[in-house]
Amino acid sequence: MQDTIPFLTTIITKAEADEMNPLVLAFVGDSVQQLYVRTRLAISSDKKSGALHKLATKEIKAEAQADKIEKLLPCLSEEEVAVYKRARNAHYSSSAKNASIGDYKKASGFEALLGYLYLTGKHDRLNELLSIE
């Protein structure tokens, strides 16, 4: 599988990304991770779509995202940690449905980091982080 997510042709500057609501970054990052995971599973498996959906859900749920960001934190730059923390500490108008509030906030921080990297054109770094098990 090619390790790129090439859809975005117009990137935003770091300054523009820094001004964005961190939960909007998480909104984008959620889609980026879903596309990455679903594509990887579709290419590497001969399972039917229902089984693939169950596998994807295990990786994309808040608990799994919280675990992943904990593993990634030592590998992140100061800039990346700042993005993560800004979203993790943001005010949420909705509550966590199937996760602890701590996992939900960590997951939102992780998604915001993915959205930030995607929107600022740091696709190599995005793919590097997503590929870490």
C-alpha atoms as a PDB file:
ATOM      1  CA  MET A   1       0.000   0.000   0.000  1.00  0.00           C
ATOM      2  CA  GLN A   2       1.251   3.446  -0.846  1.00  0.00           C
ATOM      3  CA  ASP A   3       1.808   5.363   2.385  1.00  0.00           C
ATOM      4  CA  THR A   4       0.206   8.628   1.396  1.00  0.00           C
ATOM      5  CA  ILE A   5      -3.091  10.395   1.750  1.00  0.00           C
ATOM      6  CA  PRO A   6      -2.868  12.689  -1.296  1.00  0.00           C
ATOM      7  CA  PHE A   7      -6.356  14.212  -1.547  1.00  0.00           C
ATOM      8  CA  LEU A   8      -5.658  17.687  -0.233  1.00  0.00           C
ATOM      9  CA  THR A   9      -4.126  19.969  -2.827  1.00  0.00           C
ATOM     10  CA  THR A  10      -4.522  23.229  -0.905  1.00  0.00           C
ATOM     11  CA  ILE A  11      -2.821  23.315   2.454  1.00  0.00           C
ATOM     12  CA  ILE A  12      -3.159  25.900   5.173  1.00  0.00           C
ATOM     13  CA  THR A  13      -0.341  27.611   7.020  1.00  0.00           C
ATOM     14  CA  LYS A  14       0.706  26.741  10.551  1.00  0.00           C
ATOM     15  CA  ALA A  15      -0.643  30.130  11.660  1.00  0.00           C
ATOM     16  CA  GLU A  16      -4.029  29.399  10.083  1.00  0.00           C
ATOM     17  CA  ALA A  17      -4.128  25.952  11.688  1.00  0.00           C
ATOM     18  CA  ASP A  18      -3.179  27.442  15.057  1.00  0.00           C
ATOM     19  CA  GLU A  19      -6.179  29.779  14.807  1.00  0.00           C
ATOM     20  CA  MET A  20      -8.634  26.977  14.046  1.00  0.00           C
ATOM     21  CA  ASN A  21     -10.889  25.613  16.737  1.00  0.00           C
ATOM     22  CA  PRO A  22      -9.124  22.446  17.938  1.00  0.00           C
ATOM     23  CA  LEU A  23     -12.378  20.516  17.746  1.00  0.00           C
ATOM     24  CA  VAL A  24     -12.603  21.385  14.048  1.00  0.00           C
ATOM     25  CA  LEU A  25      -9.111  19.946  13.637  1.00  0.00           C
ATOM     26  CA  ALA A  26     -10.387  16.822  15.431  1.00  0.00           C
ATOM     27  CA  PHE A  27     -13.380  16.706  13.070  1.00  0.00           C
ATOM     28  CA  VAL A  28     -10.993  16.546  10.105  1.00  0.00           C
ATOM     29  CA  GLY A  29      -8.605  14.173  11.867  1.00  0.00           C
ATOM     30  CA  ASP A  30     -11.389  11.706  12.590  1.00  0.00           C
ATOM     31  CA  SER A  31     -12.057  11.395   8.864  1.00  0.00           C
ATOM     32  CA  VAL A  32      -8.364  11.120   8.042  1.00  0.00           C
ATOM     33  CA  GLN A  33      -7.897   8.251  10.483  1.00  0.00           C
ATOM     34  CA  GLN A  34     -11.041   6.481   9.296  1.00  0.00           C
ATOM     35  CA  LEU A  35      -9.909   6.670   5.681  1.00  0.00           C
ATOM     36  CA  TYR A  36      -6.420   5.432   6.562  1.00  0.00           C
ATOM     37  CA  VAL A  37      -7.634   2.499   8.682  1.00  0.00           C
ATOM     38  CA  ARG A  38     -10.403   1.456   6.293  1.00  0.00           C
ATOM     39  CA  THR A  39      -8.077   1.616   3.285  1.00  0.00           C
ATOM     40  CA  ARG A  40      -5.383  -0.408   5.047  1.00  0.00           C
ATOM     41  CA  LEU A  41      -7.901  -3.049   6.096  1.00  0.00           C
ATOM     42  CA  ALA A  42      -9.538  -3.238   2.660  1.00  0.00           C
ATOM     43  CA  ILE A  43      -6.206  -3.734   0.923  1.00  0.00           C
ATOM     44  CA  SER A  44      -4.763  -6.209   3.418  1.00  0.00           C
ATOM     45  CA  SER A  45      -7.778  -8.436   4.027  1.00  0.00           C
ATOM     46  CA  ASP A  46     -10.205 -10.597   2.105  1.00  0.00           C
ATOM     47  CA  LYS A  47     -12.941 -10.182   4.727  1.00  0.00           C
ATOM     48  CA  LYS A  48     -16.411  -8.905   3.888  1.00  0.00           C
ATOM     49  CA  SER A  49     -17.359  -5.302   4.577  1.00  0.00           C
ATOM     50  CA  GLY A  50     -19.200  -6.076   7.828  1.00  0.00           C
ATOM     51  CA  ALA A  51     -16.144  -7.796   9.292  1.00  0.00           C
ATOM     52  CA  LEU A  52     -13.915  -4.967   8.060  1.00  0.00           C
ATOM     53  CA  HIS A  53     -16.210  -2.456   9.750  1.00  0.00           C
ATOM     54  CA  LYS A  54     -15.863  -4.290  13.077  1.00  0.00           C
ATOM     55  CA  LEU A  55     -12.069  -4.346  12.746  1.00  0.00           C
ATOM     56  CA  ALA A  56     -11.985  -0.647  11.860  1.00  0.00           C
ATOM     57  CA  THR A  57     -14.226   0.246  14.792  1.00  0.00           C
ATOM     58  CA  LYS A  58     -11.819  -1.425  17.210  1.00  0.00           C
ATOM     59  CA  GLU A  59      -9.001   0.843  15.979  1.00  0.00           C
ATOM     60  CA  ILE A  60     -11.017   4.025  15.716  1.00  0.00           C
ATOM     61  CA  LYS A  61     -12.886   3.975  19.035  1.00  0.00           C
ATOM     62  CA  ALA A  62     -11.848   6.492  21.685  1.00  0.00           C
ATOM     63  CA  GLU A  63     -10.188   3.921  23.945  1.00  0.00           C
ATOM     64  CA  ALA A  64      -7.907   2.729  21.120  1.00  0.00           C
ATOM     65  CA  GLN A  65      -7.100   6.309  20.103  1.00  0.00           C
ATOM     66  CA  ALA A  66      -6.253   7.193  23.714  1.00  0.00           C
ATOM     67  CA  ASP A  67      -3.918   4.196  23.916  1.00  0.00           C
ATOM     68  CA  LYS A  68      -2.287   5.145  20.616  1.00  0.00           C
ATOM     69  CA  ILE A  69      -1.598   8.754  21.595  1.00  0.00           C
ATOM     70  CA  GLU A  70      -0.034   7.574  24.863  1.00  0.00           C
ATOM     71  CA  LYS A  71       2.405   5.475  22.800  1.00  0.00           C
ATOM     72  CA  LEU A  72       3.074   8.351  20.417  1.00  0.00           C
ATOM     73  CA  LEU A  73       3.626  11.153  22.947  1.00  0.00           C
ATOM     74  CA  PRO A  74       7.365  10.451  23.408  1.00  0.00           C
ATOM     75  CA  CYS A  75       7.798  10.634  19.603  1.00  0.00           C
ATOM     76  CA  LEU A  76       5.984  13.941  19.113  1.00  0.00           C
ATOM     77  CA  SER A  77       7.580  17.328  18.544  1.00  0.00           C
ATOM     78  CA  GLU A  78       6.785  20.267  20.838  1.00  0.00           C
ATOM     79  CA  GLU A  79       4.508  21.662  18.136  1.00  0.00           C
ATOM     80  CA  GLU A  80       2.613  18.373  17.849  1.00  0.00           C
ATOM     81  CA  VAL A  81       2.244  18.042  21.623  1.00  0.00           C
ATOM     82  CA  ALA A  82       0.874  21.598  21.752  1.00  0.00           C
ATOM     83  CA  VAL A  83      -1.793  20.757  19.148  1.00  0.00           C
ATOM     84  CA  TYR A  84      -2.698  17.580  21.029  1.00  0.00           C
ATOM     85  CA  LYS A  85      -2.972  19.385  24.378  1.00  0.00           C
ATOM     86  CA  ARG A  86      -4.972  22.271  22.942  1.00  0.00           C
ATOM     87  CA  ALA A  87      -7.655  19.858  21.724  1.00  0.00           C
ATOM     88  CA  ARG A  88      -7.463  17.574  24.748  1.00  0.00           C
ATOM     89  CA  ASN A  89      -8.091  20.549  27.026  1.00  0.00           C
ATOM     90  CA  ALA A  90     -10.805  22.158  24.875  1.00  0.00           C
ATOM     91  CA  HIS A  91     -14.328  22.666  26.187  1.00  0.00           C
ATOM     92  CA  TYR A  92     -16.698  19.978  24.933  1.00  0.00           C
ATOM     93  CA  SER A  93     -20.405  20.632  24.525  1.00  0.00           C
ATOM     94  CA  SER A  94     -21.168  16.915  24.182  1.00  0.00           C
ATOM     95  CA  SER A  95     -20.251  14.124  26.544  1.00  0.00           C
ATOM     96  CA  ALA A  96     -18.448  10.868  25.903  1.00  0.00           C
ATOM     97  CA  LYS A  97     -20.913   8.154  24.957  1.00  0.00           C
ATOM     98  CA  ASN A  98     -18.944   4.898  24.998  1.00  0.00           C
ATOM     99  CA  ALA A  99     -15.706   5.979  26.659  1.00  0.00           C
ATOM    100  CA  SER A 100     -14.418   7.588  29.810  1.00  0.00           C
ATOM    101  CA  ILE A 101     -14.121  11.367  29.651  1.00  0.00           C
ATOM    102  CA  GLY A 102     -10.337  10.994  29.915  1.00  0.00           C
ATOM    103  CA  ASP A 103     -10.156   8.664  26.921  1.00  0.00           C
ATOM    104  CA  TYR A 104     -12.578  10.888  25.004  1.00  0.00           C
ATOM    105  CA  LYS A 105     -10.396  13.958  25.551  1.00  0.00           C
ATOM    106  CA  LYS A 106      -7.194  12.094  24.635  1.00  0.00           C
ATOM    107  CA  ALA A 107      -8.899  10.727  21.524  1.00  0.00           C
ATOM    108  CA  SER A 108      -9.999  14.227  20.512  1.00  0.00           C
ATOM    109  CA  GLY A 109      -6.445  15.452  20.989  1.00  0.00           C
ATOM    110  CA  PHE A 110      -5.156  12.611  18.814  1.00  0.00           C
ATOM    111  CA  GLU A 111      -7.723  13.365  16.103  1.00  0.00           C
ATOM    112  CA  ALA A 112      -6.846  17.075  16.220  1.00  0.00           C
ATOM    113  CA  LEU A 113      -3.183  16.236  15.702  1.00  0.00           C
ATOM    114  CA  LEU A 114      -4.085  14.142  12.649  1.00  0.00           C
ATOM    115  CA  GLY A 115      -6.270  16.947  11.292  1.00  0.00           C
ATOM    116  CA  TYR A 116      -3.505  19.490  11.888  1.00  0.00           C
ATOM    117  CA  LEU A 117      -0.895  17.400  10.082  1.00  0.00           C
ATOM    118  CA  TYR A 118      -3.261  16.740   7.190  1.00  0.00           C
ATOM    119  CA  LEU A 119      -4.373  20.349   6.733  1.00  0.00           C
ATOM    120  CA  THR A 120      -0.837  21.755   6.988  1.00  0.00           C
ATOM    121  CA  GLY A 121       0.444  19.315   4.368  1.00  0.00           C
ATOM    122  CA  LYS A 122       2.654  17.269   6.683  1.00  0.00           C
ATOM    123  CA  HIS A 123       1.497  14.054   5.059  1.00  0.00           C
ATOM    124  CA  ASP A 124       4.742  12.122   5.512  1.00  0.00           C
ATOM    125  CA  ARG A 125       4.612  12.757   9.246  1.00  0.00           C
ATOM    126  CA  LEU A 126       0.910  11.916   9.314  1.00  0.00           C
ATOM    127  CA  ASN A 127       1.543   8.573   7.652  1.00  0.00           C
ATOM    128  CA  GLU A 128       4.500   7.901   9.932  1.00  0.00           C
ATOM    129  CA  LEU A 129       2.377   8.382  13.056  1.00  0.00           C
ATOM    130  CA  LEU A 130      -0.581   6.423  11.707  1.00  0.00           C
ATOM    131  CA  SER A 131       1.622   3.473  10.796  1.00  0.00           C
ATOM    132  CA  ILE A 132       3.066   3.095  14.310  1.00  0.00           C
ATOM    133  CA  GLU A 133       1.410   0.163  16.046  1.00  0.00           C
END
